[in-house]
Amino acid sequence: MTTVHGTGPRVGVFGLLGSGNLGNDGSLEAVLGYLAREHPGAAVDALCGGPEAVTARYGIPATRLHWYSGEYRTASRAGAVAAKGLGKLVDVFRTAAWVRRHDVVIVPGMGVLEATLPLRPWGFPYSLFLLCAAGRLSGARVALVGVGAAPIGNRATRTLVRWSARLAAYRSYRDAPSRDAMRAMGVDTSRDEVHPDLAFSLPAPPAGDPPGTPGLVCVGVMDFHGGDDDRARAGEIHRRYLDGTTRFVRTLVEEGRPVRLLTGDRVDAPVVAAILDAVDSPLVTVAEVTSLAGLMRETAAADTVVATRYHNLICALKTGTPTLALSYAAKSDALMAGMGLAAYCHPAREIDADRLLEQFRALEKDAAELRRTLAERNEDAARRLGRQFAALTAALFPATDHDHAVSEAP
């Protein structure tokens, strides 16, 4: 990945980056690619969840998002509770000081305005609010670029998300339901645009590289326990999801089909282990990937993909592979509909193995036509993302910087 540095505009990137979620890091990679192409003189650094990983991989300076290193561990002892509370106060000043050093701060993609997975208001929503408030007070332009949003039940989380969006200088969304959700929360979205997910701007592997395995099915799994409003029945949701996914994999193996398990976050490892334990067969293998590029290589080599995580789906769709979504949120349904595969969604909360197999058979039967559809939709996504980056430049960067970047481009 090209290192982005220089003496031009000071650009910060912000989020749960470098923390083991491949989708988040893929969004960062897309924005860094844009900055390298359009603003090569920009001086870029990050305030993020995994600063060491971000610096090692992308070559940019990075600072830890939270003062308290145990921010995402459950605090049960009095000392830990006190340290976490003190950290919230310290982070006010740390975040403000970091933001003041920048002309522009970009939050690259990610579902930062949603709670489709378990989320506490004093976690990332609080951090995002501090960022946007500091940007408004200091004059730094904070941009929420291609982000995801969804209706939020928890009042405190909803309030923090709403004010974060209001305080941002620029907003765009990865799908129409995200914009609709923010409008329903009281945010004026009349100037906000919808564009494909930033990951669609990443390069896909060349056709035939790597060569495919005949009959291979990639199954993307997730440590899924429902959303923020499902905490009371999280265990039941997880058991149903794991049982249904395991039955599906077992059926494929009994038919002699090779299965490749994919993940998108390091927290998914226990689900992989449970499936391997339940389906003891050499036909089941596990992909060891550390980036969306790696995921794309895996999905490109498959005949079909069945996946849960949003960016597993994107990688499969980007490579033109017929895909079935185990959908856990409206964002998955919107993504599949936008790519012409609305008929191939199955609820992750209530997997019916028999119905899932029926949909899978239909997916394989229509594979040739679906590949043509995906090729057309990917071309359209590339054009629309070109408009996204042009709009971002117009909104955030002085014209002189952009003119200089264009004049210096080879």
Protein backbone atom coordinates (compact mmCIF):
# COMPACT_ATOMS: atom_id res chain seq x y z
CA MET A 1 0.00 0.00 0.00
CA THR A 2 1.31 3.45 -0.91
CA THR A 3 2.40 5.53 2.04
CA VAL A 4 0.65 8.89 2.10
CA HIS A 5 2.69 11.79 3.44
CA GLY A 6 3.74 15.29 2.52
CA THR A 7 3.54 18.98 3.26
CA GLY A 8 0.08 19.70 1.80
CA PRO A 9 -3.22 19.57 3.70
CA ARG A 10 -3.11 17.82 7.06
CA VAL A 11 -5.53 14.90 6.88
CA GLY A 12 -6.51 12.62 9.75
CA VAL A 13 -8.33 9.30 9.44
CA PHE A 14 -10.41 8.10 12.36
CA GLY A 15 -12.14 4.91 13.44
CA LEU A 16 -11.84 1.35 14.68
CA LEU A 17 -9.02 0.71 12.23
CA GLY A 18 -6.27 -1.84 12.67
CA SER A 19 -8.38 -3.68 15.25
CA GLY A 20 -8.88 -6.92 13.33
CA ASN A 21 -11.94 -6.05 11.23
CA LEU A 22 -11.03 -6.48 7.57
CA GLY A 23 -13.97 -4.39 6.33
CA ASN A 24 -12.95 -1.36 8.37
CA ASP A 25 -9.37 -1.63 7.15
CA GLY A 26 -10.56 -2.04 3.57
CA SER A 27 -12.45 1.25 3.82
CA LEU A 28 -9.28 2.90 5.12
CA GLU A 29 -7.29 1.43 2.25
CA ALA A 30 -9.79 2.84 -0.24
CA VAL A 31 -9.50 6.36 1.23
CA LEU A 32 -5.70 6.19 1.38
CA GLY A 33 -5.73 5.18 -2.29
CA TYR A 34 -7.91 8.18 -3.11
CA LEU A 35 -5.59 10.53 -1.20
CA ALA A 36 -2.51 9.10 -2.92
CA ARG A 37 -4.08 9.62 -6.35
CA GLU A 38 -5.77 12.98 -5.88
CA HIS A 39 -3.84 14.67 -3.05
CA PRO A 40 -0.34 13.17 -3.03
CA GLY A 41 1.02 16.07 -0.99
CA ALA A 42 -1.31 15.39 1.94
CA ALA A 43 0.23 14.66 5.34
CA VAL A 44 -1.86 11.79 6.75
CA ASP A 45 -2.05 10.20 10.18
CA ALA A 46 -4.64 8.21 12.14
CA LEU A 47 -6.47 8.14 15.46
CA CYS A 48 -7.59 4.53 15.61
CA GLY A 49 -8.16 1.33 17.52
CA GLY A 50 -4.98 -0.47 16.42
CA PRO A 51 -2.27 2.13 15.79
CA GLU A 52 0.61 -0.32 15.60
CA ALA A 53 -1.14 -2.37 12.91
CA VAL A 54 -2.10 0.72 10.90
CA THR A 55 1.44 2.11 10.97
CA ALA A 56 3.02 -1.24 10.09
CA ARG A 57 0.68 -1.89 7.20
CA TYR A 58 0.05 1.54 5.70
CA GLY A 59 3.13 3.47 6.77
CA ILE A 60 1.29 6.38 8.38
CA PRO A 61 1.72 7.66 11.96
CA ALA A 62 -1.10 6.52 14.22
CA THR A 63 -2.31 7.29 17.74
CA ARG A 64 -4.44 5.06 19.97
CA LEU A 65 -8.11 6.03 19.95
CA HIS A 66 -8.54 5.74 23.74
CA TRP A 67 -6.31 6.79 26.61
CA TYR A 68 -7.45 3.77 28.63
CA SER A 69 -6.09 0.62 27.00
CA GLY A 70 -8.85 -1.57 28.45
CA GLU A 71 -11.66 0.45 26.88
CA TYR A 72 -13.32 -2.55 25.19
CA ARG A 73 -12.91 -4.97 28.08
CA THR A 74 -15.79 -5.35 30.55
CA ALA A 75 -14.95 -3.41 33.70
CA SER A 76 -16.06 -5.37 36.79
CA ARG A 77 -13.62 -4.19 39.46
CA ALA A 78 -13.78 -0.74 41.02
CA GLY A 79 -10.31 0.17 39.75
CA ALA A 80 -11.18 -0.73 36.17
CA VAL A 81 -14.46 1.18 36.35
CA ALA A 82 -12.65 4.25 37.69
CA ALA A 83 -9.94 3.98 35.01
CA LYS A 84 -12.55 3.70 32.27
CA GLY A 85 -14.40 6.72 33.63
CA LEU A 86 -11.20 8.75 33.86
CA GLY A 87 -10.38 7.69 30.31
CA LYS A 88 -13.62 9.23 29.05
CA LEU A 89 -12.57 12.58 30.52
CA VAL A 90 -9.00 12.36 29.26
CA ASP A 91 -10.22 11.44 25.77
CA VAL A 92 -12.06 14.76 25.53
CA PHE A 93 -8.75 16.61 25.61
CA ARG A 94 -6.79 14.00 23.63
CA THR A 95 -9.34 13.99 20.81
CA ALA A 96 -9.60 17.78 20.70
CA ALA A 97 -5.81 18.15 20.58
CA TRP A 98 -5.51 15.62 17.77
CA VAL A 99 -8.30 17.17 15.69
CA ARG A 100 -6.78 20.68 15.99
CA ARG A 101 -3.66 19.47 14.19
CA HIS A 102 -5.65 18.76 11.00
CA ASP A 103 -7.37 20.59 8.20
CA VAL A 104 -9.56 17.59 7.38
CA VAL A 105 -10.53 14.45 9.28
CA ILE A 106 -12.07 11.54 7.34
CA VAL A 107 -14.09 8.74 8.89
CA PRO A 108 -13.73 6.14 6.11
CA GLY A 109 -16.84 4.04 5.62
CA MET A 110 -17.75 1.58 8.38
CA GLY A 111 -21.11 1.35 10.15
CA VAL A 112 -20.36 4.27 12.44
CA LEU A 113 -23.97 5.50 12.58
CA GLU A 114 -25.62 2.17 13.34
CA ALA A 115 -26.03 -0.35 16.13
CA THR A 116 -26.71 -3.50 14.11
CA LEU A 117 -24.21 -5.27 16.37
CA PRO A 118 -24.04 -4.91 20.19
CA LEU A 119 -22.85 -1.40 21.06
CA ARG A 120 -22.67 0.74 24.19
CA PRO A 121 -23.22 4.52 23.92
CA TRP A 122 -20.09 5.33 25.90
CA GLY A 123 -17.95 3.28 23.50
CA PHE A 124 -17.46 4.28 19.87
CA PRO A 125 -20.57 6.55 19.65
CA TYR A 126 -19.06 8.72 22.39
CA SER A 127 -15.70 8.80 20.59
CA LEU A 128 -17.34 9.80 17.31
CA PHE A 129 -19.26 12.58 19.03
CA LEU A 130 -16.04 13.93 20.56
CA LEU A 131 -14.44 13.92 17.12
CA CYS A 132 -17.26 15.77 15.38
CA ALA A 133 -17.68 18.29 18.20
CA ALA A 134 -13.94 18.99 18.24
CA GLY A 135 -13.99 19.47 14.47
CA ARG A 136 -16.80 21.99 14.68
CA LEU A 137 -15.09 23.93 17.49
CA SER A 138 -11.61 23.92 15.91
CA GLY A 139 -12.62 24.49 12.28
CA ALA A 140 -11.29 21.15 11.04
CA ARG A 141 -13.63 19.68 8.43
CA VAL A 142 -14.87 16.27 9.62
CA ALA A 143 -16.20 14.04 6.84
CA LEU A 144 -18.27 10.89 7.31
CA VAL A 145 -17.54 9.24 3.96
CA GLY A 146 -19.62 6.35 2.66
CA VAL A 147 -20.75 5.40 6.16
CA GLY A 148 -23.52 3.04 7.23
CA ALA A 149 -26.45 4.04 9.41
CA ALA A 150 -29.52 2.28 10.79
CA PRO A 151 -32.38 2.97 13.21
CA ILE A 152 -31.14 2.90 16.82
CA GLY A 153 -33.34 1.91 19.77
CA ASN A 154 -31.11 3.01 22.65
CA ARG A 155 -31.86 6.68 23.37
CA ALA A 156 -28.34 7.65 24.51
CA THR A 157 -26.70 5.98 21.51
CA ARG A 158 -29.23 7.55 19.15
CA THR A 159 -28.60 11.02 20.60
CA LEU A 160 -24.82 10.73 20.25
CA VAL A 161 -25.11 9.43 16.69
CA ARG A 162 -27.58 12.15 15.69
CA TRP A 163 -25.38 14.96 17.01
CA SER A 164 -22.24 13.45 15.50
CA ALA A 165 -23.91 13.50 12.09
CA ARG A 166 -25.20 17.05 12.57
CA LEU A 167 -21.77 18.35 13.57
CA ALA A 168 -19.92 16.74 10.64
CA ALA A 169 -19.00 19.03 7.75
CA TYR A 170 -19.68 16.35 5.11
CA ARG A 171 -21.74 13.18 5.02
CA SER A 172 -22.28 10.48 2.44
CA TYR A 173 -23.75 7.01 2.81
CA ARG A 174 -23.15 3.56 1.39
CA ASP A 175 -26.84 2.89 0.77
CA ALA A 176 -30.21 4.65 0.70
CA PRO A 177 -31.54 3.03 3.92
CA SER A 178 -28.61 4.64 5.78
CA ARG A 179 -29.60 8.09 4.59
CA ASP A 180 -33.24 7.35 5.39
CA ALA A 181 -32.28 6.28 8.91
CA MET A 182 -30.44 9.54 9.57
CA ARG A 183 -33.34 11.56 8.20
CA ALA A 184 -35.69 9.69 10.56
CA MET A 185 -33.34 10.60 13.44
CA GLY A 186 -33.76 14.29 12.69
CA VAL A 187 -30.69 14.98 10.55
CA ASP A 188 -31.09 17.20 7.48
CA THR A 189 -29.92 14.89 4.69
CA SER A 190 -31.05 17.05 1.76
CA ARG A 191 -27.45 17.56 0.62
CA ASP A 192 -26.18 14.10 1.54
CA GLU A 193 -25.41 11.66 -1.27
CA VAL A 194 -25.49 7.88 -1.56
CA HIS A 195 -22.63 6.02 -3.23
CA PRO A 196 -21.50 2.37 -3.29
CA ASP A 197 -19.40 1.12 -0.40
CA LEU A 198 -15.83 2.40 -0.54
CA ALA A 199 -14.50 -1.16 -0.82
CA PHE A 200 -15.87 -1.35 -4.37
CA SER A 201 -13.05 1.04 -5.35
CA LEU A 202 -10.39 -1.52 -4.37
CA PRO A 203 -8.84 -3.51 -7.23
CA ALA A 204 -10.21 -6.99 -7.89
CA PRO A 205 -7.80 -9.85 -8.67
CA PRO A 206 -7.23 -10.57 -12.38
CA ALA A 207 -9.56 -13.15 -13.91
CA GLY A 208 -8.26 -16.65 -13.32
CA ASP A 209 -5.86 -15.59 -10.55
CA PRO A 210 -5.89 -17.72 -8.52
CA PRO A 211 -7.25 -20.68 -10.50
CA GLY A 212 -10.54 -21.96 -9.12
CA THR A 213 -11.22 -25.31 -7.50
CA PRO A 214 -14.10 -27.10 -9.27
CA GLY A 215 -17.25 -27.00 -7.17
CA LEU A 216 -15.73 -24.86 -4.41
CA VAL A 217 -18.17 -23.05 -2.12
CA CYS A 218 -16.86 -20.26 0.13
CA VAL A 219 -18.89 -19.94 3.33
CA GLY A 220 -18.28 -16.71 5.22
CA VAL A 221 -19.08 -17.05 8.94
CA MET A 222 -19.47 -14.56 11.75
CA ASP A 223 -19.53 -14.53 15.53
CA PHE A 224 -23.14 -13.44 15.31
CA HIS A 225 -25.29 -12.82 18.40
CA GLY A 226 -27.85 -10.43 16.96
CA GLY A 227 -27.92 -6.65 17.22
CA ASP A 228 -27.90 -4.11 20.00
CA ASP A 229 -31.61 -4.66 20.69
CA ASP A 230 -31.19 -8.46 20.86
CA ARG A 231 -29.06 -8.70 23.99
CA ALA A 232 -31.72 -10.61 25.95
CA ARG A 233 -31.73 -13.45 23.42
CA ALA A 234 -28.18 -13.21 22.10
CA GLY A 235 -27.33 -16.76 23.14
CA GLU A 236 -30.37 -18.24 21.39
CA ILE A 237 -29.66 -16.26 18.20
CA HIS A 238 -26.06 -17.43 18.18
CA ARG A 239 -27.02 -21.09 18.64
CA ARG A 240 -29.55 -20.95 15.80
CA TYR A 241 -27.07 -19.23 13.53
CA LEU A 242 -24.29 -21.71 14.29
CA ASP A 243 -26.57 -24.76 14.00
CA GLY A 244 -28.02 -23.62 10.68
CA THR A 245 -24.64 -22.75 9.18
CA THR A 246 -23.15 -26.05 10.36
CA ARG A 247 -26.03 -28.05 8.83
CA PHE A 248 -25.51 -26.25 5.54
CA VAL A 249 -21.77 -26.98 5.50
CA ARG A 250 -22.36 -30.62 6.46
CA THR A 251 -24.83 -31.10 3.61
CA LEU A 252 -22.38 -29.69 1.07
CA VAL A 253 -19.63 -31.98 2.34
CA GLU A 254 -21.93 -35.02 2.19
CA GLU A 255 -22.47 -34.17 -1.48
CA GLY A 256 -18.71 -34.14 -2.02
CA ARG A 257 -18.39 -30.35 -2.34
CA PRO A 258 -15.22 -28.63 -1.11
CA VAL A 259 -15.99 -25.83 1.38
CA ARG A 260 -13.71 -22.93 2.26
CA LEU A 261 -14.56 -21.06 5.47
CA LEU A 262 -14.02 -17.29 5.46
CA THR A 263 -14.04 -14.75 8.27
CA GLY A 264 -13.89 -10.97 8.38
CA ASP A 265 -12.80 -10.30 11.96
CA ARG A 266 -10.55 -12.13 14.38
CA VAL A 267 -13.52 -12.59 16.76
CA ASP A 268 -14.99 -15.07 14.25
CA ALA A 269 -12.40 -17.74 15.07
CA PRO A 270 -14.59 -19.64 17.61
CA VAL A 271 -17.32 -20.10 14.99
CA VAL A 272 -14.80 -21.57 12.57
CA ALA A 273 -13.52 -23.90 15.29
CA ALA A 274 -17.04 -25.05 16.14
CA ILE A 275 -17.86 -25.87 12.51
CA LEU A 276 -14.58 -27.74 12.02
CA ASP A 277 -15.30 -29.73 15.17
CA ALA A 278 -18.83 -30.61 14.01
CA VAL A 279 -17.92 -31.36 10.38
CA ASP A 280 -14.72 -33.39 10.50
CA SER A 281 -13.77 -33.63 6.83
CA PRO A 282 -10.74 -32.80 4.68
CA LEU A 283 -13.19 -31.11 2.29
CA VAL A 284 -13.56 -28.25 4.80
CA THR A 285 -10.64 -25.83 4.87
CA VAL A 286 -10.11 -22.38 6.36
CA ALA A 287 -8.82 -19.31 4.54
CA GLU A 288 -6.16 -17.36 6.42
CA VAL A 289 -6.55 -13.83 5.11
CA THR A 290 -5.55 -10.45 6.51
CA SER A 291 -7.09 -8.04 4.02
CA LEU A 292 -10.01 -7.53 1.67
CA ALA A 293 -7.62 -8.22 -1.19
CA GLY A 294 -7.04 -11.65 0.30
CA LEU A 295 -10.77 -12.20 0.70
CA MET A 296 -11.32 -11.23 -2.94
CA ARG A 297 -8.76 -13.79 -4.07
CA GLU A 298 -10.64 -16.45 -2.11
CA THR A 299 -14.08 -15.50 -3.45
CA ALA A 300 -12.76 -15.19 -7.01
CA ALA A 301 -11.59 -18.81 -6.86
CA ALA A 302 -15.02 -20.10 -5.75
CA ASP A 303 -18.00 -21.21 -7.81
CA THR A 304 -20.38 -19.63 -5.29
CA VAL A 305 -20.27 -17.78 -1.97
CA VAL A 306 -22.62 -17.90 1.02
CA ALA A 307 -21.63 -15.28 3.59
CA THR A 308 -22.76 -13.24 6.57
CA ARG A 309 -20.35 -10.36 7.12
CA TYR A 310 -21.10 -7.31 5.01
CA HIS A 311 -17.61 -7.02 3.56
CA ASN A 312 -17.44 -10.75 2.82
CA LEU A 313 -20.44 -10.08 0.61
CA ILE A 314 -18.78 -7.08 -1.00
CA CYS A 315 -15.64 -9.07 -1.81
CA ALA A 316 -17.69 -11.81 -3.44
CA LEU A 317 -19.84 -9.37 -5.41
CA LYS A 318 -16.83 -7.32 -6.46
CA THR A 319 -15.21 -10.41 -7.97
CA GLY A 320 -18.43 -11.29 -9.82
CA THR A 321 -19.04 -14.53 -7.91
CA PRO A 322 -22.70 -15.60 -7.45
CA THR A 323 -23.46 -14.87 -3.82
CA LEU A 324 -26.08 -15.68 -1.22
CA ALA A 325 -26.31 -13.43 1.85
CA LEU A 326 -27.02 -14.62 5.36
CA SER A 327 -28.46 -11.22 6.09
CA TYR A 328 -28.33 -9.75 9.60
CA ALA A 329 -29.21 -6.12 8.80
CA ALA A 330 -30.90 -3.92 6.23
CA LYS A 331 -27.49 -2.99 4.83
CA SER A 332 -26.99 -6.54 3.55
CA ASP A 333 -30.41 -6.59 1.89
CA ALA A 334 -29.76 -3.17 0.30
CA LEU A 335 -26.36 -4.28 -0.97
CA MET A 336 -27.72 -7.45 -2.55
CA ALA A 337 -30.65 -5.60 -4.14
CA GLY A 338 -28.32 -2.96 -5.55
CA MET A 339 -26.20 -5.66 -7.16
CA GLY A 340 -29.21 -7.45 -8.65
CA LEU A 341 -29.32 -10.39 -6.21
CA ALA A 342 -32.26 -9.43 -3.98
CA ALA A 343 -33.72 -12.94 -4.28
CA TYR A 344 -30.64 -14.45 -2.65
CA CYS A 345 -30.96 -13.23 0.94
CA HIS A 346 -31.62 -15.48 3.93
CA PRO A 347 -32.16 -14.24 7.53
CA ALA A 348 -29.12 -14.89 9.72
CA ARG A 349 -31.25 -14.77 12.88
CA GLU A 350 -33.51 -17.59 11.73
CA ILE A 351 -31.59 -19.87 9.41
CA ASP A 352 -33.78 -22.56 7.90
CA ALA A 353 -31.28 -25.07 6.52
CA ASP A 354 -33.76 -26.60 4.07
CA ARG A 355 -34.84 -23.24 2.68
CA LEU A 356 -31.20 -22.10 2.56
CA LEU A 357 -30.32 -25.14 0.46
CA GLU A 358 -33.21 -24.38 -1.92
CA GLN A 359 -31.93 -20.83 -2.41
CA PHE A 360 -28.41 -22.15 -2.89
CA ARG A 361 -29.57 -24.56 -5.62
CA ALA A 362 -31.33 -21.68 -7.37
CA LEU A 363 -28.21 -19.54 -7.08
CA GLU A 364 -26.11 -22.21 -8.78
CA LYS A 365 -28.71 -22.76 -11.48
CA ASP A 366 -28.71 -19.04 -12.34
CA ALA A 367 -24.94 -18.59 -11.92
CA ALA A 368 -24.11 -17.67 -15.53
CA GLU A 369 -26.77 -14.98 -15.71
CA LEU A 370 -25.83 -13.64 -12.28
CA ARG A 371 -22.19 -13.27 -13.31
CA ARG A 372 -23.27 -11.09 -16.24
CA THR A 373 -25.44 -9.00 -13.93
CA LEU A 374 -22.60 -8.53 -11.46
CA ALA A 375 -20.21 -7.43 -14.21
CA GLU A 376 -22.65 -4.68 -15.22
CA ARG A 377 -23.32 -3.58 -11.63
CA ASN A 378 -19.61 -3.43 -10.82
CA GLU A 379 -19.01 -1.12 -13.76
CA ASP A 380 -21.76 1.15 -12.49
CA ALA A 381 -20.32 1.07 -8.95
CA ALA A 382 -16.93 2.19 -10.26
CA ARG A 383 -18.49 5.17 -12.04
CA ARG A 384 -20.49 6.19 -8.99
CA LEU A 385 -17.46 5.97 -6.71
CA GLY A 386 -15.59 8.24 -9.09
CA ARG A 387 -18.32 10.81 -8.42
CA GLN A 388 -18.00 10.20 -4.67
CA PHE A 389 -14.31 11.03 -4.68
CA ALA A 390 -14.85 14.08 -6.89
CA ALA A 391 -17.53 15.34 -4.47
CA LEU A 392 -15.20 14.72 -1.54
CA THR A 393 -12.42 16.76 -3.12
CA ALA A 394 -14.81 19.63 -3.87
CA ALA A 395 -16.16 19.64 -0.32
CA LEU A 396 -12.98 19.22 1.69
CA PHE A 397 -9.91 20.40 -0.17
CA PRO A 398 -8.97 23.86 -1.44
CA ALA A 399 -9.02 24.12 -5.23
CA THR A 400 -5.35 25.04 -5.27
CA ASP A 401 -4.42 21.74 -3.64
CA HIS A 402 -6.46 19.73 -6.13
CA ASP A 403 -5.05 21.68 -9.09
CA HIS A 404 -1.55 21.04 -7.81
CA ALA A 405 -2.28 17.33 -7.40
CA VAL A 406 -3.59 17.10 -10.95
CA SER A 407 -0.61 19.01 -12.39
CA GLU A 408 1.83 16.73 -10.60
CA ALA A 409 0.08 13.50 -11.65
CA PRO A 410 1.96 11.44 -14.23
